[in-house]
């Protein structure tokens, strides 16, 4: 601790060490590491301006007062959820520094999180999903339909069937699908691997997609092992999947503002409403904690209430019917 007082670690050095820790020790994706470091570098930049010092900021020079001033600056232009995320990045940094003996105190401990409204996940109803998927299926039956039509159908059947993240979907290879047993190997956050079931309809559409791809773009599967390809035969991007989803929703007559992640919410919602075990859904979604999965439970509260009223011996409905 005496050495730390005499030669405190600079904030920039701390950010670089933390980024390396996230990438090489925790195995987080490049996108996640970039998000953390971007938030921390923004703090470094604003904190330097607020301090009006030419000296290099050290991890020991950061105070709760400085952090509150930083949050006040963010408050002018950013939503509270974004402010909370940026504060969370700073908390994670100092937690890492303390655990590794690189800092003596944690200035974020005295900072309260900005109060945020819980954003409820958006999702499609069962009838809407069927309308959406049926619309794409119908377009595939048109004479001379491009292999990309079959690809789009397979993409959304698979997203709805498995609940995988769009990053997991576009990162998947052909060999990750076990067509015989209806399973998919998924490489999730932190490079954690899991197996998820794939429904029969999704397997059928994937098979049809590959058949049409082989007929119309014979070299594609030789050039790349990617599960889903763009028009040039290379790996499809997450941004392209989002763009395709919006276009296909409009074609099907649905005007909701949804993202590919909404199909993940839809998957979980429909399983919960059908009575699936929450821990099983947690496993399929690849959530590290059950509390994350519980975000989806709000959508079936009405169904739970109806089930309770019909089943519980002491419910108001059953007591009203004379059953005690």
C-alpha atoms as a PDB file:
ATOM      1  CA  UNK A   1       0.000   0.000   0.000  1.00  0.00           C
ATOM      2  CA  UNK A   2       2.942   2.342   0.673  1.00  0.00           C
ATOM      3  CA  UNK A   3       4.218   1.702  -2.838  1.00  0.00           C
ATOM      4  CA  UNK A   4       0.754   2.467  -4.240  1.00  0.00           C
ATOM      5  CA  UNK A   5       0.697   5.765  -2.355  1.00  0.00           C
ATOM      6  CA  UNK A   6       4.113   6.747  -3.694  1.00  0.00           C
ATOM      7  CA  UNK A   7       3.541   5.484  -7.267  1.00  0.00           C
ATOM      8  CA  UNK A   8      -0.210   5.265  -7.865  1.00  0.00           C
ATOM      9  CA  UNK A   9      -1.359   3.559 -11.032  1.00  0.00           C
ATOM     10  CA  UNK A  10      -2.545   5.998 -13.696  1.00  0.00           C
ATOM     11  CA  UNK A  11      -6.180   5.735 -14.704  1.00  0.00           C
ATOM     12  CA  UNK A  12      -5.186   5.032 -18.305  1.00  0.00           C
ATOM     13  CA  UNK A  13      -2.896   2.177 -17.227  1.00  0.00           C
ATOM     14  CA  UNK A  14      -5.719   0.786 -15.097  1.00  0.00           C
ATOM     15  CA  UNK A  15      -8.136   0.851 -18.047  1.00  0.00           C
ATOM     16  CA  UNK A  16      -5.611  -0.950 -20.271  1.00  0.00           C
ATOM     17  CA  UNK A  17      -4.995  -3.641 -17.626  1.00  0.00           C
ATOM     18  CA  UNK A  18      -8.733  -4.087 -17.075  1.00  0.00           C
ATOM     19  CA  UNK A  19      -9.368  -4.431 -20.826  1.00  0.00           C
ATOM     20  CA  UNK A  20      -6.687  -7.142 -21.061  1.00  0.00           C
ATOM     21  CA  UNK A  21      -8.246  -8.905 -18.052  1.00  0.00           C
ATOM     22  CA  UNK A  22     -11.695  -8.889 -19.684  1.00  0.00           C
ATOM     23  CA  UNK A  23     -10.387 -10.198 -22.981  1.00  0.00           C
ATOM     24  CA  UNK A  24      -7.789 -12.763 -21.976  1.00  0.00           C
ATOM     25  CA  UNK A  25      -8.802 -13.889 -18.479  1.00  0.00           C
ATOM     26  CA  UNK A  26     -12.571 -13.614 -18.616  1.00  0.00           C
ATOM     27  CA  UNK A  27     -12.803 -14.390 -22.337  1.00  0.00           C
ATOM     28  CA  UNK A  28     -15.375 -11.713 -23.128  1.00  0.00           C
ATOM     29  CA  UNK A  29     -16.104 -10.849 -26.747  1.00  0.00           C
ATOM     30  CA  UNK A  30     -14.304  -8.011 -28.519  1.00  0.00           C
ATOM     31  CA  UNK A  31     -17.583  -6.095 -28.694  1.00  0.00           C
ATOM     32  CA  UNK A  32     -18.117  -6.332 -24.918  1.00  0.00           C
ATOM     33  CA  UNK A  33     -14.526  -5.330 -24.137  1.00  0.00           C
ATOM     34  CA  UNK A  34     -14.856  -2.401 -26.534  1.00  0.00           C
ATOM     35  CA  UNK A  35     -18.065  -1.271 -24.785  1.00  0.00           C
ATOM     36  CA  UNK A  36     -16.389  -1.335 -21.349  1.00  0.00           C
ATOM     37  CA  UNK A  37     -13.273   0.497 -22.489  1.00  0.00           C
ATOM     38  CA  UNK A  38     -15.280   3.090 -24.420  1.00  0.00           C
ATOM     39  CA  UNK A  39     -17.268   3.975 -21.287  1.00  0.00           C
ATOM     40  CA  UNK A  40     -14.124   4.094 -19.133  1.00  0.00           C
ATOM     41  CA  UNK A  41     -12.224   6.243 -21.615  1.00  0.00           C
ATOM     42  CA  UNK A  42     -15.132   8.659 -21.718  1.00  0.00           C
ATOM     43  CA  UNK A  43     -14.958   8.888 -17.928  1.00  0.00           C
ATOM     44  CA  UNK A  44     -11.199   9.481 -18.143  1.00  0.00           C
ATOM     45  CA  UNK A  45     -11.698  12.269 -20.685  1.00  0.00           C
ATOM     46  CA  UNK A  46     -14.510  14.041 -18.820  1.00  0.00           C
ATOM     47  CA  UNK A  47     -12.857  13.604 -15.418  1.00  0.00           C
ATOM     48  CA  UNK A  48      -9.661  15.207 -16.747  1.00  0.00           C
ATOM     49  CA  UNK A  49     -11.657  18.204 -17.990  1.00  0.00           C
ATOM     50  CA  UNK A  50     -13.580  18.516 -14.726  1.00  0.00           C
ATOM     51  CA  UNK A  51     -10.387  18.394 -12.673  1.00  0.00           C
ATOM     52  CA  UNK A  52      -8.760  20.999 -14.943  1.00  0.00           C
ATOM     53  CA  UNK A  53      -5.389  19.440 -14.214  1.00  0.00           C
ATOM     54  CA  UNK A  54      -2.457  18.908 -16.482  1.00  0.00           C
ATOM     55  CA  UNK A  55      -1.274  16.080 -14.239  1.00  0.00           C
ATOM     56  CA  UNK A  56      -2.097  12.518 -15.260  1.00  0.00           C
ATOM     57  CA  UNK A  57      -5.117  11.223 -13.341  1.00  0.00           C
ATOM     58  CA  UNK A  58      -4.348   8.301 -11.046  1.00  0.00           C
ATOM     59  CA  UNK A  59      -6.751   5.689  -9.728  1.00  0.00           C
ATOM     60  CA  UNK A  60      -6.271   7.147  -6.231  1.00  0.00           C
ATOM     61  CA  UNK A  61      -7.196  10.682  -7.326  1.00  0.00           C
ATOM     62  CA  UNK A  62     -10.731   9.693  -8.323  1.00  0.00           C
ATOM     63  CA  UNK A  63     -13.205  10.783  -5.624  1.00  0.00           C
ATOM     64  CA  UNK A  64     -16.954  10.261  -5.143  1.00  0.00           C
ATOM     65  CA  UNK A  65     -17.379  14.006  -5.735  1.00  0.00           C
ATOM     66  CA  UNK A  66     -15.659  13.735  -9.122  1.00  0.00           C
ATOM     67  CA  UNK A  67     -17.820  10.754 -10.090  1.00  0.00           C
ATOM     68  CA  UNK A  68     -20.995  12.649  -9.132  1.00  0.00           C
ATOM     69  CA  UNK A  69     -19.852  15.595 -11.255  1.00  0.00           C
ATOM     70  CA  UNK A  70     -19.242  13.192 -14.138  1.00  0.00           C
ATOM     71  CA  UNK A  71     -22.755  11.727 -13.775  1.00  0.00           C
ATOM     72  CA  UNK A  72     -24.186  15.248 -13.686  1.00  0.00           C
ATOM     73  CA  UNK A  73     -22.524  15.904 -17.055  1.00  0.00           C
ATOM     74  CA  UNK A  74     -23.984  12.692 -18.468  1.00  0.00           C
ATOM     75  CA  UNK A  75     -27.437  13.636 -17.157  1.00  0.00           C
ATOM     76  CA  UNK A  76     -27.610  16.511 -19.645  1.00  0.00           C
ATOM     77  CA  UNK A  77     -27.640  14.313 -22.729  1.00  0.00           C
ATOM     78  CA  UNK A  78     -28.064  10.637 -21.804  1.00  0.00           C
ATOM     79  CA  UNK A  79     -30.860   8.390 -20.589  1.00  0.00           C
ATOM     80  CA  UNK A  80     -30.618   7.093 -17.028  1.00  0.00           C
ATOM     81  CA  UNK A  81     -30.107   3.543 -18.278  1.00  0.00           C
ATOM     82  CA  UNK A  82     -27.002   4.702 -20.176  1.00  0.00           C
ATOM     83  CA  UNK A  83     -25.750   6.602 -17.123  1.00  0.00           C
ATOM     84  CA  UNK A  84     -26.214   3.472 -15.009  1.00  0.00           C
ATOM     85  CA  UNK A  85     -24.292   1.368 -17.538  1.00  0.00           C
ATOM     86  CA  UNK A  86     -21.353   3.778 -17.527  1.00  0.00           C
ATOM     87  CA  UNK A  87     -21.281   3.838 -13.722  1.00  0.00           C
ATOM     88  CA  UNK A  88     -21.387   0.042 -13.735  1.00  0.00           C
ATOM     89  CA  UNK A  89     -18.260  -0.041 -15.938  1.00  0.00           C
ATOM     90  CA  UNK A  90     -16.476   2.182 -13.410  1.00  0.00           C
ATOM     91  CA  UNK A  91     -17.598  -0.056 -10.530  1.00  0.00           C
ATOM     92  CA  UNK A  92     -16.270  -3.120 -12.367  1.00  0.00           C
ATOM     93  CA  UNK A  93     -12.932  -1.407 -12.931  1.00  0.00           C
ATOM     94  CA  UNK A  94     -12.435  -0.583  -9.260  1.00  0.00           C
ATOM     95  CA  UNK A  95     -13.605  -4.014  -8.163  1.00  0.00           C
ATOM     96  CA  UNK A  96     -10.884  -5.501 -10.374  1.00  0.00           C
ATOM     97  CA  UNK A  97      -8.261  -3.053  -9.066  1.00  0.00           C
ATOM     98  CA  UNK A  98      -9.054  -3.798  -5.411  1.00  0.00           C
ATOM     99  CA  UNK A  99      -9.106  -7.575  -5.935  1.00  0.00           C
ATOM    100  CA  UNK A 100      -5.645  -7.374  -7.504  1.00  0.00           C
ATOM    101  CA  UNK A 101      -4.130  -4.945  -5.006  1.00  0.00           C
ATOM    102  CA  UNK A 102      -3.873  -2.152  -7.556  1.00  0.00           C
ATOM    103  CA  UNK A 103      -5.983   0.366  -5.629  1.00  0.00           C
ATOM    104  CA  UNK A 104      -6.522   1.142  -1.959  1.00  0.00           C
ATOM    105  CA  UNK A 105     -10.147   2.249  -2.038  1.00  0.00           C
ATOM    106  CA  UNK A 106     -13.261   2.154  -4.188  1.00  0.00           C
ATOM    107  CA  UNK A 107     -14.744   5.642  -4.775  1.00  0.00           C
ATOM    108  CA  UNK A 108     -17.849   4.148  -6.440  1.00  0.00           C
ATOM    109  CA  UNK A 109     -19.066   2.585  -3.173  1.00  0.00           C
ATOM    110  CA  UNK A 110     -20.680   5.839  -2.042  1.00  0.00           C
ATOM    111  CA  UNK A 111     -22.419   6.462  -5.374  1.00  0.00           C
ATOM    112  CA  UNK A 112     -26.068   5.506  -5.820  1.00  0.00           C
ATOM    113  CA  UNK A 113     -27.220   4.130  -9.138  1.00  0.00           C
ATOM    114  CA  UNK A 114     -29.436   6.471 -11.194  1.00  0.00           C
ATOM    115  CA  UNK A 115     -33.049   5.417 -10.732  1.00  0.00           C
ATOM    116  CA  UNK A 116     -34.198   3.782 -13.932  1.00  0.00           C
ATOM    117  CA  UNK A 117     -37.531   2.499 -15.100  1.00  0.00           C
ATOM    118  CA  UNK A 118     -37.560  -1.218 -15.750  1.00  0.00           C
ATOM    119  CA  UNK A 119     -37.873  -1.597 -19.506  1.00  0.00           C
ATOM    120  CA  UNK A 120     -40.192  -4.483 -20.224  1.00  0.00           C
ATOM    121  CA  UNK A 121     -39.027  -6.788 -22.999  1.00  0.00           C
ATOM    122  CA  UNK A 122     -40.902  -6.483 -26.296  1.00  0.00           C
ATOM    123  CA  UNK A 123     -42.206  -9.660 -27.856  1.00  0.00           C
ATOM    124  CA  UNK A 124     -44.691 -11.069 -30.353  1.00  0.00           C
ATOM    125  CA  UNK A 125     -47.815 -13.020 -29.499  1.00  0.00           C
ATOM    126  CA  UNK A 126     -48.151 -16.604 -30.717  1.00  0.00           C
ATOM    127  CA  UNK A 127     -50.548 -15.619 -33.522  1.00  0.00           C
ATOM    128  CA  UNK A 128     -48.211 -12.804 -34.602  1.00  0.00           C
ATOM    129  CA  UNK A 129     -45.225 -15.168 -34.767  1.00  0.00           C
ATOM    130  CA  UNK A 130     -47.218 -17.569 -36.926  1.00  0.00           C
ATOM    131  CA  UNK A 131     -48.347 -14.694 -39.170  1.00  0.00           C
ATOM    132  CA  UNK A 132     -44.748 -13.500 -39.498  1.00  0.00           C
ATOM    133  CA  UNK A 133     -43.217 -16.910 -40.264  1.00  0.00           C
ATOM    134  CA  UNK A 134     -46.089 -17.930 -42.559  1.00  0.00           C
ATOM    135  CA  UNK A 135     -45.529 -14.770 -44.606  1.00  0.00           C
ATOM    136  CA  UNK A 136     -41.873 -15.653 -45.232  1.00  0.00           C
ATOM    137  CA  UNK A 137     -42.756 -19.291 -45.938  1.00  0.00           C
ATOM    138  CA  UNK A 138     -45.305 -18.191 -48.530  1.00  0.00           C
ATOM    139  CA  UNK A 139     -42.734 -16.008 -50.291  1.00  0.00           C
ATOM    140  CA  UNK A 140     -40.388 -19.010 -50.519  1.00  0.00           C
ATOM    141  CA  UNK A 141     -43.006 -20.923 -52.507  1.00  0.00           C
ATOM    142  CA  UNK A 142     -42.966 -18.350 -55.314  1.00  0.00           C
ATOM    143  CA  UNK A 143     -41.416 -19.652 -58.580  1.00  0.00           C
ATOM    144  CA  UNK A 144     -37.733 -18.737 -58.783  1.00  0.00           C
ATOM    145  CA  UNK A 145     -37.483 -17.681 -55.143  1.00  0.00           C
ATOM    146  CA  UNK A 146     -33.901 -16.736 -54.250  1.00  0.00           C
ATOM    147  CA  UNK A 147     -31.923 -18.818 -51.772  1.00  0.00           C
ATOM    148  CA  UNK A 148     -31.889 -15.645 -49.630  1.00  0.00           C
ATOM    149  CA  UNK A 149     -35.652 -15.983 -49.109  1.00  0.00           C
ATOM    150  CA  UNK A 150     -35.078 -19.504 -47.759  1.00  0.00           C
ATOM    151  CA  UNK A 151     -32.198 -18.168 -45.636  1.00  0.00           C
ATOM    152  CA  UNK A 152     -34.440 -15.504 -44.096  1.00  0.00           C
ATOM    153  CA  UNK A 153     -37.085 -18.070 -43.243  1.00  0.00           C
ATOM    154  CA  UNK A 154     -34.455 -20.347 -41.656  1.00  0.00           C
ATOM    155  CA  UNK A 155     -32.952 -17.439 -39.660  1.00  0.00           C
ATOM    156  CA  UNK A 156     -36.197 -16.513 -37.948  1.00  0.00           C
ATOM    157  CA  UNK A 157     -37.415 -20.081 -37.466  1.00  0.00           C
ATOM    158  CA  UNK A 158     -34.097 -20.791 -35.719  1.00  0.00           C
ATOM    159  CA  UNK A 159     -34.165 -17.614 -33.591  1.00  0.00           C
ATOM    160  CA  UNK A 160     -37.703 -18.377 -32.434  1.00  0.00           C
ATOM    161  CA  UNK A 161     -36.959 -22.087 -31.974  1.00  0.00           C
ATOM    162  CA  UNK A 162     -33.822 -21.660 -29.849  1.00  0.00           C
ATOM    163  CA  UNK A 163     -33.880 -18.190 -28.276  1.00  0.00           C
ATOM    164  CA  UNK A 164     -30.203 -17.655 -29.131  1.00  0.00           C
ATOM    165  CA  UNK A 165     -28.706 -14.161 -29.221  1.00  0.00           C
ATOM    166  CA  UNK A 166     -28.237 -12.664 -32.682  1.00  0.00           C
ATOM    167  CA  UNK A 167     -24.455 -12.584 -32.087  1.00  0.00           C
ATOM    168  CA  UNK A 168     -24.584 -16.330 -31.359  1.00  0.00           C
ATOM    169  CA  UNK A 169     -26.661 -16.906 -34.490  1.00  0.00           C
ATOM    170  CA  UNK A 170     -24.335 -15.084 -36.899  1.00  0.00           C
ATOM    171  CA  UNK A 171     -21.274 -16.604 -35.220  1.00  0.00           C
ATOM    172  CA  UNK A 172     -22.573 -20.165 -35.695  1.00  0.00           C
ATOM    173  CA  UNK A 173     -21.173 -22.584 -38.273  1.00  0.00           C
ATOM    174  CA  UNK A 174     -22.918 -25.355 -40.175  1.00  0.00           C
ATOM    175  CA  UNK A 175     -21.221 -27.958 -37.985  1.00  0.00           C
ATOM    176  CA  UNK A 176     -22.911 -26.490 -34.896  1.00  0.00           C
ATOM    177  CA  UNK A 177     -26.269 -27.910 -36.006  1.00  0.00           C
ATOM    178  CA  UNK A 178     -26.957 -31.557 -35.241  1.00  0.00           C
ATOM    179  CA  UNK A 179     -29.680 -32.235 -37.809  1.00  0.00           C
ATOM    180  CA  UNK A 180     -30.249 -35.825 -36.702  1.00  0.00           C
ATOM    181  CA  UNK A 181     -30.832 -35.104 -33.013  1.00  0.00           C
ATOM    182  CA  UNK A 182     -32.245 -31.580 -33.354  1.00  0.00           C
ATOM    183  CA  UNK A 183     -29.604 -29.783 -31.288  1.00  0.00           C
ATOM    184  CA  UNK A 184     -27.454 -26.679 -31.701  1.00  0.00           C
ATOM    185  CA  UNK A 185     -24.068 -26.005 -30.119  1.00  0.00           C
ATOM    186  CA  UNK A 186     -23.920 -22.351 -29.064  1.00  0.00           C
ATOM    187  CA  UNK A 187     -20.875 -20.322 -28.093  1.00  0.00           C
ATOM    188  CA  UNK A 188     -22.255 -17.704 -25.712  1.00  0.00           C
ATOM    189  CA  UNK A 189     -20.969 -14.836 -23.603  1.00  0.00           C
ATOM    190  CA  UNK A 190     -17.602 -15.426 -21.987  1.00  0.00           C
ATOM    191  CA  UNK A 191     -17.049 -18.147 -24.606  1.00  0.00           C
ATOM    192  CA  UNK A 192     -19.274 -20.492 -22.600  1.00  0.00           C
ATOM    193  CA  UNK A 193     -20.608 -23.351 -24.661  1.00  0.00           C
ATOM    194  CA  UNK A 194     -24.119 -24.756 -24.322  1.00  0.00           C
ATOM    195  CA  UNK A 195     -26.459 -27.092 -26.200  1.00  0.00           C
ATOM    196  CA  UNK A 196     -29.989 -26.008 -27.065  1.00  0.00           C
ATOM    197  CA  UNK A 197     -32.812 -28.001 -28.681  1.00  0.00           C
ATOM    198  CA  UNK A 198     -33.890 -27.072 -32.212  1.00  0.00           C
ATOM    199  CA  UNK A 199     -37.513 -27.617 -33.222  1.00  0.00           C
ATOM    200  CA  UNK A 200     -38.514 -29.804 -36.141  1.00  0.00           C
ATOM    201  CA  UNK A 201     -39.772 -26.875 -38.229  1.00  0.00           C
ATOM    202  CA  UNK A 202     -36.453 -25.044 -37.854  1.00  0.00           C
ATOM    203  CA  UNK A 203     -34.557 -28.181 -38.917  1.00  0.00           C
ATOM    204  CA  UNK A 204     -36.804 -28.486 -41.997  1.00  0.00           C
ATOM    205  CA  UNK A 205     -36.244 -24.866 -43.028  1.00  0.00           C
ATOM    206  CA  UNK A 206     -32.475 -25.122 -42.502  1.00  0.00           C
ATOM    207  CA  UNK A 207     -32.393 -28.213 -44.739  1.00  0.00           C
ATOM    208  CA  UNK A 208     -34.413 -26.414 -47.422  1.00  0.00           C
ATOM    209  CA  UNK A 209     -32.152 -23.350 -47.132  1.00  0.00           C
ATOM    210  CA  UNK A 210     -29.019 -25.442 -47.746  1.00  0.00           C
ATOM    211  CA  UNK A 211     -30.639 -27.239 -50.682  1.00  0.00           C
ATOM    212  CA  UNK A 212     -31.503 -23.935 -52.370  1.00  0.00           C
ATOM    213  CA  UNK A 213     -28.100 -22.459 -51.538  1.00  0.00           C
ATOM    214  CA  UNK A 214     -26.337 -25.420 -53.175  1.00  0.00           C
ATOM    215  CA  UNK A 215     -28.475 -25.045 -56.316  1.00  0.00           C
ATOM    216  CA  UNK A 216     -28.081 -21.282 -56.720  1.00  0.00           C
ATOM    217  CA  UNK A 217     -24.650 -20.581 -55.182  1.00  0.00           C
ATOM    218  CA  UNK A 218     -22.707 -23.879 -55.397  1.00  0.00           C
ATOM    219  CA  UNK A 219     -19.398 -22.463 -54.178  1.00  0.00           C
ATOM    220  CA  UNK A 220     -20.746 -20.796 -51.011  1.00  0.00           C
ATOM    221  CA  UNK A 221     -20.374 -23.777 -48.699  1.00  0.00           C
ATOM    222  CA  UNK A 222     -16.839 -24.384 -49.938  1.00  0.00           C
ATOM    223  CA  UNK A 223     -15.796 -20.778 -49.320  1.00  0.00           C
ATOM    224  CA  UNK A 224     -17.194 -20.474 -45.792  1.00  0.00           C
ATOM    225  CA  UNK A 225     -18.400 -22.679 -42.940  1.00  0.00           C
ATOM    226  CA  UNK A 226     -20.784 -19.950 -41.707  1.00  0.00           C
ATOM    227  CA  UNK A 227     -24.318 -21.084 -40.975  1.00  0.00           C
ATOM    228  CA  UNK A 228     -25.881 -17.977 -42.518  1.00  0.00           C
ATOM    229  CA  UNK A 229     -24.327 -16.139 -45.459  1.00  0.00           C
ATOM    230  CA  UNK A 230     -24.711 -12.761 -47.099  1.00  0.00           C
ATOM    231  CA  UNK A 231     -25.340 -12.277 -50.834  1.00  0.00           C
ATOM    232  CA  UNK A 232     -21.603 -12.683 -51.585  1.00  0.00           C
ATOM    233  CA  UNK A 233     -21.363 -15.961 -49.683  1.00  0.00           C
ATOM    234  CA  UNK A 234     -19.558 -14.501 -46.648  1.00  0.00           C
ATOM    235  CA  UNK A 235     -20.771 -14.553 -43.042  1.00  0.00           C
ATOM    236  CA  UNK A 236     -23.959 -12.579 -42.394  1.00  0.00           C
ATOM    237  CA  UNK A 237     -23.674  -9.737 -39.843  1.00  0.00           C
ATOM    238  CA  UNK A 238     -25.922  -8.999 -36.855  1.00  0.00           C
ATOM    239  CA  UNK A 239     -26.785  -5.624 -38.386  1.00  0.00           C
ATOM    240  CA  UNK A 240     -27.971  -7.351 -41.564  1.00  0.00           C
ATOM    241  CA  UNK A 241     -30.204  -9.695 -39.541  1.00  0.00           C
ATOM    242  CA  UNK A 242     -31.780  -6.651 -37.855  1.00  0.00           C
ATOM    243  CA  UNK A 243     -32.379  -4.981 -41.217  1.00  0.00           C
ATOM    244  CA  UNK A 244     -33.866  -8.185 -42.682  1.00  0.00           C
ATOM    245  CA  UNK A 245     -36.163  -8.578 -39.668  1.00  0.00           C
ATOM    246  CA  UNK A 246     -37.623  -5.072 -40.065  1.00  0.00           C
ATOM    247  CA  UNK A 247     -38.223  -5.675 -43.783  1.00  0.00           C
ATOM    248  CA  UNK A 248     -39.865  -9.069 -43.209  1.00  0.00           C
ATOM    249  CA  UNK A 249     -42.085  -7.722 -40.408  1.00  0.00           C
ATOM    250  CA  UNK A 250     -43.378  -5.001 -42.711  1.00  0.00           C
ATOM    251  CA  UNK A 251     -44.038  -7.515 -45.513  1.00  0.00           C
ATOM    252  CA  UNK A 252     -46.033  -9.662 -43.090  1.00  0.00           C
ATOM    253  CA  UNK A 253     -48.185  -6.694 -42.012  1.00  0.00           C
ATOM    254  CA  UNK A 254     -46.621  -6.267 -38.566  1.00  0.00           C
ATOM    255  CA  UNK A 255     -45.424  -2.775 -37.634  1.00  0.00           C
ATOM    256  CA  UNK A 256     -43.902  -3.319 -34.197  1.00  0.00           C
ATOM    257  CA  UNK A 257     -40.472  -1.805 -33.570  1.00  0.00           C
ATOM    258  CA  UNK A 258     -38.632  -5.039 -32.837  1.00  0.00           C
ATOM    259  CA  UNK A 259     -35.041  -6.245 -32.904  1.00  0.00           C
ATOM    260  CA  UNK A 260     -33.704  -9.803 -33.269  1.00  0.00           C
ATOM    261  CA  UNK A 261     -33.428  -9.794 -29.460  1.00  0.00           C
ATOM    262  CA  UNK A 262     -37.220  -9.470 -29.357  1.00  0.00           C
ATOM    263  CA  UNK A 263     -37.474 -12.982 -30.806  1.00  0.00           C
ATOM    264  CA  UNK A 264     -35.351 -14.153 -27.863  1.00  0.00           C
ATOM    265  CA  UNK A 265     -37.866 -12.538 -25.514  1.00  0.00           C
ATOM    266  CA  UNK A 266     -40.681 -14.093 -27.544  1.00  0.00           C
ATOM    267  CA  UNK A 267     -39.101 -17.554 -27.221  1.00  0.00           C
ATOM    268  CA  UNK A 268     -38.823 -17.235 -23.428  1.00  0.00           C
ATOM    269  CA  UNK A 269     -42.271 -15.700 -23.037  1.00  0.00           C
ATOM    270  CA  UNK A 270     -44.024 -18.447 -24.956  1.00  0.00           C
ATOM    271  CA  UNK A 271     -42.187 -21.188 -23.057  1.00  0.00           C
ATOM    272  CA  UNK A 272     -43.090 -19.583 -19.720  1.00  0.00           C
ATOM    273  CA  UNK A 273     -46.717 -19.192 -20.742  1.00  0.00           C
ATOM    274  CA  UNK A 274     -46.785 -22.880 -21.678  1.00  0.00           C
ATOM    275  CA  UNK A 275     -45.572 -23.801 -18.179  1.00  0.00           C
ATOM    276  CA  UNK A 276     -41.874 -24.437 -18.858  1.00  0.00           C
ATOM    277  CA  UNK A 277     -39.514 -24.523 -15.876  1.00  0.00           C
ATOM    278  CA  UNK A 278     -37.706 -21.215 -15.358  1.00  0.00           C
ATOM    279  CA  UNK A 279     -34.360 -22.909 -14.704  1.00  0.00           C
ATOM    280  CA  UNK A 280     -34.642 -24.886 -17.940  1.00  0.00           C
ATOM    281  CA  UNK A 281     -35.257 -21.631 -19.808  1.00  0.00           C
ATOM    282  CA  UNK A 282     -32.257 -20.099 -18.007  1.00  0.00           C
ATOM    283  CA  UNK A 283     -30.096 -22.936 -19.315  1.00  0.00           C
ATOM    284  CA  UNK A 284     -31.364 -22.574 -22.875  1.00  0.00           C
ATOM    285  CA  UNK A 285     -30.907 -18.804 -22.887  1.00  0.00           C
ATOM    286  CA  UNK A 286     -27.401 -19.084 -21.446  1.00  0.00           C
ATOM    287  CA  UNK A 287     -28.092 -16.730 -18.523  1.00  0.00           C
ATOM    288  CA  UNK A 288     -25.544 -16.957 -15.717  1.00  0.00           C
ATOM    289  CA  UNK A 289     -28.126 -15.989 -13.070  1.00  0.00           C
ATOM    290  CA  UNK A 290     -31.793 -16.810 -12.650  1.00  0.00           C
ATOM    291  CA  UNK A 291     -32.572 -13.161 -11.868  1.00  0.00           C
ATOM    292  CA  UNK A 292     -31.802 -12.264 -15.500  1.00  0.00           C
ATOM    293  CA  UNK A 293     -34.250 -14.888 -16.730  1.00  0.00           C
ATOM    294  CA  UNK A 294     -36.889 -13.630 -14.288  1.00  0.00           C
ATOM    295  CA  UNK A 295     -37.133 -10.409 -16.299  1.00  0.00           C
ATOM    296  CA  UNK A 296     -39.415 -12.384 -18.585  1.00  0.00           C
ATOM    297  CA  UNK A 297     -41.901 -13.410 -15.884  1.00  0.00           C
ATOM    298  CA  UNK A 298     -43.891 -10.162 -16.002  1.00  0.00           C
ATOM    299  CA  UNK A 299     -45.434 -11.166 -19.281  1.00  0.00           C
ATOM    300  CA  UNK A 300     -47.396 -14.061 -17.871  1.00  0.00           C
ATOM    301  CA  UNK A 301     -48.563 -12.630 -14.541  1.00  0.00           C
ATOM    302  CA  UNK A 302     -52.171 -12.601 -15.769  1.00  0.00           C
ATOM    303  CA  UNK A 303     -51.920 -16.263 -16.712  1.00  0.00           C
ATOM    304  CA  UNK A 304     -50.400 -17.091 -13.316  1.00  0.00           C
ATOM    305  CA  UNK A 305     -53.299 -15.283 -11.618  1.00  0.00           C
ATOM    306  CA  UNK A 306     -55.863 -17.216 -13.652  1.00  0.00           C
ATOM    307  CA  UNK A 307     -54.101 -20.504 -12.875  1.00  0.00           C
ATOM    308  CA  UNK A 308     -53.959 -19.636  -9.184  1.00  0.00           C
ATOM    309  CA  UNK A 309     -57.646 -18.707  -9.054  1.00  0.00           C
ATOM    310  CA  UNK A 310     -58.612 -21.964 -10.708  1.00  0.00           C
ATOM    311  CA  UNK A 311     -56.266 -24.255  -8.786  1.00  0.00           C
ATOM    312  CA  UNK A 312     -55.556 -22.938  -5.285  1.00  0.00           C
ATOM    313  CA  UNK A 313     -58.026 -24.134  -2.625  1.00  0.00           C
ATOM    314  CA  UNK A 314     -57.913 -20.779  -0.819  1.00  0.00           C
ATOM    315  CA  UNK A 315     -58.157 -18.492  -3.851  1.00  0.00           C
ATOM    316  CA  UNK A 316     -60.882 -15.835  -3.804  1.00  0.00           C
ATOM    317  CA  UNK A 317     -62.530 -17.372  -6.859  1.00  0.00           C
ATOM    318  CA  UNK A 318     -62.844 -20.838  -5.322  1.00  0.00           C
ATOM    319  CA  UNK A 319     -63.933 -19.542  -1.912  1.00  0.00           C
ATOM    320  CA  UNK A 320     -66.583 -17.496  -3.740  1.00  0.00           C
ATOM    321  CA  UNK A 321     -67.795 -20.741  -5.275  1.00  0.00           C
ATOM    322  CA  UNK A 322     -68.135 -22.253  -1.793  1.00  0.00           C
ATOM    323  CA  UNK A 323     -64.938 -24.318  -1.853  1.00  0.00           C
ATOM    324  CA  UNK A 324     -62.903 -23.974   1.327  1.00  0.00           C
END
